[in-house]
């Protein structure tokens, strides 16, 4: 109980605005829409993905995160549309965001460029009835559920060819401040993202898919360096190194045509000494789109 109370105090204090606030994922190579709206419509398919992450398994009050998203190309809009829903629960706190993305897509050389915007609502809540003050009654600690919401905006650029991709994006560009029902506020700082990766064919059945994912709020950063080995475009396994935190073991398979499942297990080397588990399920329903790249070596991995 002491651990969970200290975690809550840390999250609820004003210093929390200086820490990274966006949800963390380990299978970022499959979940680009969550951080970059410019990705919307890039797969020439109706693409759906769901992720569930249990961070620091066994630690009381540890984060539990769910992300459900989907996107598709829309030729009438010269681009693509996407929808992302993220629920991030940390002890008695719960943040939920719902965002709609639009990306304008155009051919650039041998690749395609997406310029995307997302807008939505982010809600932050706290169940104060579950908090226990160490000193009895404390007016600074709420005794009932409080919540609030705010408009949230983001922007992203995403470029990809048959063999590579590169994206930069930013979230919370309007620096939303959520006014809760108890007159306290929860401020979101702007975050920045960089994603890039390659698809390299080793043989007719083996390919290598290295990638980099960088997240920063301008004060602190998280860097993942990943390599996946893919067999016959149906099975994959790999490892990520997360700077100053640990290693991530990844594996997955196409369990039926266009339906894939992935697992990630984070080996955390920091003082918290608790590992994390993440499950991903994705589905692509292929469609034909005019004025887009017609062929990819492996759109499910790029």
Protein backbone atom coordinates (compact mmCIF):
# COMPACT_ATOMS: atom_id res chain seq x y z
CA UNK A 1 0.00 0.00 0.00
CA UNK A 2 2.89 2.32 0.71
CA UNK A 3 4.20 1.85 -2.84
CA UNK A 4 0.87 2.65 -4.44
CA UNK A 5 0.36 5.73 -2.26
CA UNK A 6 3.80 7.10 -3.15
CA UNK A 7 3.08 6.48 -6.84
CA UNK A 8 -0.22 8.34 -6.59
CA UNK A 9 1.36 11.28 -4.82
CA UNK A 10 4.00 11.47 -7.52
CA UNK A 11 1.42 11.45 -10.31
CA UNK A 12 -0.83 13.94 -8.57
CA UNK A 13 1.87 16.43 -7.70
CA UNK A 14 2.66 19.41 -9.89
CA UNK A 15 5.98 17.90 -10.90
CA UNK A 16 4.09 15.36 -12.98
CA UNK A 17 3.74 17.91 -15.79
CA UNK A 18 7.50 17.65 -16.35
CA UNK A 19 7.42 13.87 -16.97
CA UNK A 20 6.46 12.06 -20.17
CA UNK A 21 2.70 11.61 -20.14
CA UNK A 22 1.87 9.74 -23.37
CA UNK A 23 1.26 5.99 -23.11
CA UNK A 24 4.21 3.67 -23.63
CA UNK A 25 4.26 0.73 -26.07
CA UNK A 26 6.96 -1.73 -27.13
CA UNK A 27 5.50 -2.86 -30.48
CA UNK A 28 5.70 0.63 -31.98
CA UNK A 29 6.63 -0.70 -35.44
CA UNK A 30 3.06 -2.05 -35.69
CA UNK A 31 1.36 0.89 -33.98
CA UNK A 32 2.43 3.99 -35.90
CA UNK A 33 -0.97 5.70 -35.96
CA UNK A 34 -0.88 6.12 -32.16
CA UNK A 35 1.95 8.64 -32.50
CA UNK A 36 1.82 9.85 -36.11
CA UNK A 37 -1.41 10.90 -37.90
CA UNK A 38 0.52 11.12 -41.18
CA UNK A 39 0.44 7.29 -41.25
CA UNK A 40 -3.33 7.20 -41.85
CA UNK A 41 -4.24 5.47 -45.11
CA UNK A 42 -0.69 4.41 -45.99
CA UNK A 43 -1.32 0.64 -46.08
CA UNK A 44 -3.81 0.53 -48.99
CA UNK A 45 -5.97 -1.49 -46.63
CA UNK A 46 -8.48 -1.18 -43.84
CA UNK A 47 -6.04 -1.73 -40.99
CA UNK A 48 -7.19 -2.50 -37.46
CA UNK A 49 -4.99 -3.02 -34.42
CA UNK A 50 -5.50 -3.62 -30.73
CA UNK A 51 -2.84 -3.60 -28.02
CA UNK A 52 -2.98 -4.36 -24.32
CA UNK A 53 0.01 -3.57 -22.11
CA UNK A 54 0.55 -4.56 -18.49
CA UNK A 55 3.53 -2.56 -17.31
CA UNK A 56 5.66 -3.57 -14.32
CA UNK A 57 3.63 -6.74 -13.74
CA UNK A 58 3.27 -7.47 -10.03
CA UNK A 59 3.71 -3.86 -8.94
CA UNK A 60 0.57 -2.61 -7.19
CA UNK A 61 -1.01 0.26 -9.09
CA UNK A 62 1.21 -0.22 -12.16
CA UNK A 63 0.05 1.16 -15.57
CA UNK A 64 -2.45 -0.83 -17.63
CA UNK A 65 -2.84 0.47 -21.19
CA UNK A 66 -5.24 -0.41 -24.00
CA UNK A 67 -5.08 1.00 -27.53
CA UNK A 68 -7.60 0.30 -30.29
CA UNK A 69 -7.05 2.01 -33.63
CA UNK A 70 -7.86 1.73 -37.30
CA UNK A 71 -7.23 3.59 -40.53
CA UNK A 72 -8.04 3.34 -44.24
CA UNK A 73 -7.34 5.20 -47.49
CA UNK A 74 -10.11 7.46 -48.83
CA UNK A 75 -9.47 8.45 -52.45
CA UNK A 76 -12.20 11.12 -52.39
CA UNK A 77 -10.21 12.93 -49.70
CA UNK A 78 -6.83 12.42 -51.42
CA UNK A 79 -5.57 10.64 -48.34
CA UNK A 80 -6.63 8.55 -45.39
CA UNK A 81 -8.66 8.63 -42.18
CA UNK A 82 -7.84 7.06 -38.85
CA UNK A 83 -9.28 6.65 -35.38
CA UNK A 84 -7.31 5.90 -32.21
CA UNK A 85 -8.63 5.21 -28.70
CA UNK A 86 -6.18 4.93 -25.81
CA UNK A 87 -7.01 4.14 -22.19
CA UNK A 88 -4.14 4.47 -19.72
CA UNK A 89 -4.78 3.54 -16.10
CA UNK A 90 -2.21 4.17 -13.36
CA UNK A 91 -3.42 3.21 -9.88
CA UNK A 92 -6.50 5.39 -9.24
CA UNK A 93 -5.79 7.62 -12.25
CA UNK A 94 -7.28 6.97 -15.69
CA UNK A 95 -6.59 8.96 -18.86
CA UNK A 96 -8.64 8.26 -21.99
CA UNK A 97 -8.12 9.84 -25.39
CA UNK A 98 -10.17 9.56 -28.57
CA UNK A 99 -8.63 11.12 -31.68
CA UNK A 100 -9.57 11.29 -35.35
CA UNK A 101 -6.76 11.58 -37.90
CA UNK A 102 -6.66 12.80 -41.49
CA UNK A 103 -3.58 12.50 -43.73
CA UNK A 104 -3.19 14.09 -47.13
CA UNK A 105 -1.20 11.63 -49.28
CA UNK A 106 0.83 12.29 -52.42
CA UNK A 107 3.50 10.55 -54.50
CA UNK A 108 7.05 11.81 -53.94
CA UNK A 109 9.61 10.06 -56.13
CA UNK A 110 9.38 6.31 -55.55
CA UNK A 111 7.48 6.71 -52.31
CA UNK A 112 4.44 8.36 -50.79
CA UNK A 113 4.24 11.24 -48.35
CA UNK A 114 1.52 11.72 -45.75
CA UNK A 115 0.86 15.03 -44.00
CA UNK A 116 -1.49 14.38 -41.09
CA UNK A 117 -3.49 16.12 -38.43
CA UNK A 118 -5.36 14.62 -35.51
CA UNK A 119 -7.86 16.17 -33.19
CA UNK A 120 -9.83 14.71 -30.36
CA UNK A 121 -10.71 14.73 -26.71
CA UNK A 122 -8.59 13.63 -23.79
CA UNK A 123 -10.19 12.95 -20.41
CA UNK A 124 -8.38 12.62 -17.10
CA UNK A 125 -10.00 11.17 -14.00
CA UNK A 126 -9.09 10.19 -10.46
CA UNK A 127 -11.09 7.98 -8.08
CA UNK A 128 -10.39 9.80 -4.83
CA UNK A 129 -12.51 7.37 -2.81
CA UNK A 130 -9.70 4.82 -3.14
CA UNK A 131 -7.02 7.12 -1.74
CA UNK A 132 -5.86 6.80 1.85
CA UNK A 133 -4.04 9.69 3.45
CA UNK A 134 -1.14 8.75 5.72
CA UNK A 135 -2.07 11.60 8.08
CA UNK A 136 -5.83 11.15 8.17
CA UNK A 137 -7.91 13.91 6.59
CA UNK A 138 -5.94 15.94 4.04
CA UNK A 139 -7.73 18.71 2.11
CA UNK A 140 -5.24 18.37 -0.74
CA UNK A 141 -6.37 14.78 -1.43
CA UNK A 142 -9.84 14.35 -3.02
CA UNK A 143 -12.31 11.97 -1.38
CA UNK A 144 -14.52 11.38 -4.43
CA UNK A 145 -14.15 10.83 -8.16
CA UNK A 146 -13.01 13.88 -10.12
CA UNK A 147 -12.54 14.27 -13.87
CA UNK A 148 -12.19 16.76 -16.68
CA UNK A 149 -11.53 16.89 -20.42
CA UNK A 150 -9.89 19.07 -23.04
CA UNK A 151 -9.41 19.37 -26.80
CA UNK A 152 -6.17 17.76 -28.02
CA UNK A 153 -4.34 18.36 -31.33
CA UNK A 154 -1.42 16.68 -33.10
CA UNK A 155 0.51 16.79 -36.37
CA UNK A 156 2.70 14.29 -38.25
CA UNK A 157 4.69 13.70 -41.43
CA UNK A 158 5.17 10.14 -42.72
CA UNK A 159 7.11 9.01 -45.80
CA UNK A 160 7.54 5.45 -47.03
CA UNK A 161 8.82 3.50 -50.02
CA UNK A 162 8.73 -0.24 -50.65
CA UNK A 163 11.78 -0.72 -48.44
CA UNK A 164 11.84 2.05 -45.83
CA UNK A 165 9.80 4.50 -43.79
CA UNK A 166 10.45 7.68 -41.85
CA UNK A 167 8.12 9.77 -39.72
CA UNK A 168 8.22 12.76 -37.39
CA UNK A 169 5.27 13.97 -35.37
CA UNK A 170 4.15 15.90 -32.32
CA UNK A 171 1.24 15.54 -29.92
CA UNK A 172 -0.50 18.05 -27.62
CA UNK A 173 0.54 20.98 -29.83
CA UNK A 174 -2.10 23.14 -28.12
CA UNK A 175 -0.70 22.26 -24.65
CA UNK A 176 -4.16 21.32 -23.33
CA UNK A 177 -4.97 21.99 -19.69
CA UNK A 178 -7.63 19.73 -18.20
CA UNK A 179 -9.70 21.45 -15.53
CA UNK A 180 -11.01 18.82 -13.17
CA UNK A 181 -14.26 19.04 -11.23
CA UNK A 182 -12.44 19.87 -7.98
CA UNK A 183 -10.86 22.96 -9.61
CA UNK A 184 -7.44 21.33 -9.96
CA UNK A 185 -5.80 21.20 -13.39
CA UNK A 186 -3.78 18.60 -15.27
CA UNK A 187 -1.54 20.05 -17.95
CA UNK A 188 -0.21 18.10 -20.94
CA UNK A 189 3.18 19.04 -22.34
CA UNK A 190 3.99 18.77 -26.05
CA UNK A 191 5.63 15.47 -27.07
CA UNK A 192 7.78 14.71 -30.10
CA UNK A 193 8.21 11.40 -31.97
CA UNK A 194 10.58 10.01 -34.59
CA UNK A 195 10.07 6.61 -36.23
CA UNK A 196 12.17 5.05 -38.97
CA UNK A 197 12.79 1.58 -40.30
CA UNK A 198 14.08 -0.56 -43.17
CA UNK A 199 13.02 -3.77 -44.87
CA UNK A 200 16.04 -5.79 -46.05
CA UNK A 201 15.67 -9.09 -47.91
CA UNK A 202 18.30 -11.62 -46.82
CA UNK A 203 16.93 -14.49 -48.89
CA UNK A 204 13.68 -15.58 -50.50
CA UNK A 205 12.31 -16.57 -47.09
CA UNK A 206 14.21 -14.37 -44.61
CA UNK A 207 14.17 -10.60 -44.18
CA UNK A 208 15.45 -8.14 -41.62
CA UNK A 209 13.38 -5.23 -40.33
CA UNK A 210 15.46 -2.85 -38.13
CA UNK A 211 13.71 0.22 -36.71
CA UNK A 212 14.15 3.14 -34.32
CA UNK A 213 11.54 4.81 -32.14
CA UNK A 214 12.28 8.04 -30.26
CA UNK A 215 9.88 9.82 -27.92
CA UNK A 216 10.66 13.07 -26.11
CA UNK A 217 8.89 15.83 -24.22
CA UNK A 218 11.85 18.17 -24.64
CA UNK A 219 13.16 17.32 -21.17
CA UNK A 220 13.37 13.53 -21.06
CA UNK A 221 13.57 11.02 -23.92
CA UNK A 222 12.89 7.35 -24.58
CA UNK A 223 14.82 5.58 -27.34
CA UNK A 224 14.03 2.08 -28.66
CA UNK A 225 16.42 0.42 -31.13
CA UNK A 226 14.83 -2.69 -32.65
CA UNK A 227 15.60 -5.52 -35.08
CA UNK A 228 13.07 -8.13 -36.17
CA UNK A 229 13.91 -11.20 -38.25
CA UNK A 230 10.96 -12.20 -40.43
CA UNK A 231 10.46 -15.69 -41.90
CA UNK A 232 8.30 -16.09 -45.01
CA UNK A 233 6.42 -12.90 -44.11
CA UNK A 234 4.48 -14.93 -41.52
CA UNK A 235 6.69 -15.41 -38.46
CA UNK A 236 8.91 -12.90 -36.72
CA UNK A 237 11.11 -12.56 -33.70
CA UNK A 238 13.42 -9.85 -32.50
CA UNK A 239 14.78 -7.70 -29.74
CA UNK A 240 14.68 -4.02 -28.80
CA UNK A 241 17.09 -2.12 -26.61
CA UNK A 242 15.41 0.63 -24.60
CA UNK A 243 18.00 3.16 -23.52
CA UNK A 244 18.56 3.29 -19.75
CA UNK A 245 15.72 0.84 -19.10
CA UNK A 246 16.26 -2.64 -20.51
CA UNK A 247 15.55 -5.10 -23.30
CA UNK A 248 12.34 -6.09 -25.08
CA UNK A 249 11.85 -9.56 -26.55
CA UNK A 250 9.38 -9.65 -29.45
CA UNK A 251 7.72 -12.48 -31.34
CA UNK A 252 4.63 -12.97 -33.45
CA UNK A 253 2.96 -14.73 -36.33
CA UNK A 254 0.32 -14.39 -38.99
CA UNK A 255 -2.21 -16.77 -37.46
CA UNK A 256 -4.45 -16.64 -40.53
CA UNK A 257 -4.46 -14.60 -43.74
CA UNK A 258 -4.09 -10.89 -42.90
CA UNK A 259 -4.54 -11.54 -39.17
CA UNK A 260 -1.42 -11.29 -37.01
CA UNK A 261 -0.66 -11.59 -33.33
CA UNK A 262 2.40 -10.25 -31.55
CA UNK A 263 3.85 -10.48 -28.05
CA UNK A 264 6.42 -8.29 -26.31
CA UNK A 265 8.11 -8.97 -23.00
CA UNK A 266 10.05 -6.12 -21.42
CA UNK A 267 13.03 -7.02 -19.26
CA UNK A 268 13.32 -3.97 -17.00
CA UNK A 269 16.77 -3.30 -15.56
CA UNK A 270 15.85 -0.17 -13.60
CA UNK A 271 15.35 -0.05 -9.82
CA UNK A 272 11.65 -0.87 -10.14
CA UNK A 273 12.73 -4.45 -11.04
CA UNK A 274 9.36 -5.46 -12.54
CA UNK A 275 8.94 -6.65 -16.12
CA UNK A 276 6.16 -5.78 -18.58
CA UNK A 277 3.97 -7.75 -21.02
CA UNK A 278 2.25 -6.50 -24.18
CA UNK A 279 -0.14 -8.29 -26.56
CA UNK A 280 -0.97 -7.06 -30.07
CA UNK A 281 -3.64 -8.22 -32.53
CA UNK A 282 -3.81 -6.71 -36.02
CA UNK A 283 -5.91 -7.23 -39.13
CA UNK A 284 -5.60 -5.86 -42.68
CA UNK A 285 -8.44 -5.97 -45.18
CA UNK A 286 -6.85 -5.20 -48.55
CA UNK A 287 -8.45 -2.76 -50.96
CA UNK A 288 -7.35 -1.20 -54.24
CA UNK A 289 -6.72 2.54 -54.27
CA UNK A 290 -5.97 4.71 -57.29
CA UNK A 291 -3.00 7.10 -57.35
CA UNK A 292 -1.17 5.25 -54.60
CA UNK A 293 1.79 2.88 -54.63
CA UNK A 294 0.41 -0.37 -56.02
CA UNK A 295 2.84 -2.85 -54.56
CA UNK A 296 4.75 -3.35 -51.34
CA UNK A 297 7.19 -6.08 -50.43
CA UNK A 298 5.56 -6.35 -47.03
CA UNK A 299 2.96 -3.73 -46.03
CA UNK A 300 2.18 -5.56 -42.79
CA UNK A 301 5.67 -4.87 -41.45
CA UNK A 302 6.25 -1.42 -42.95
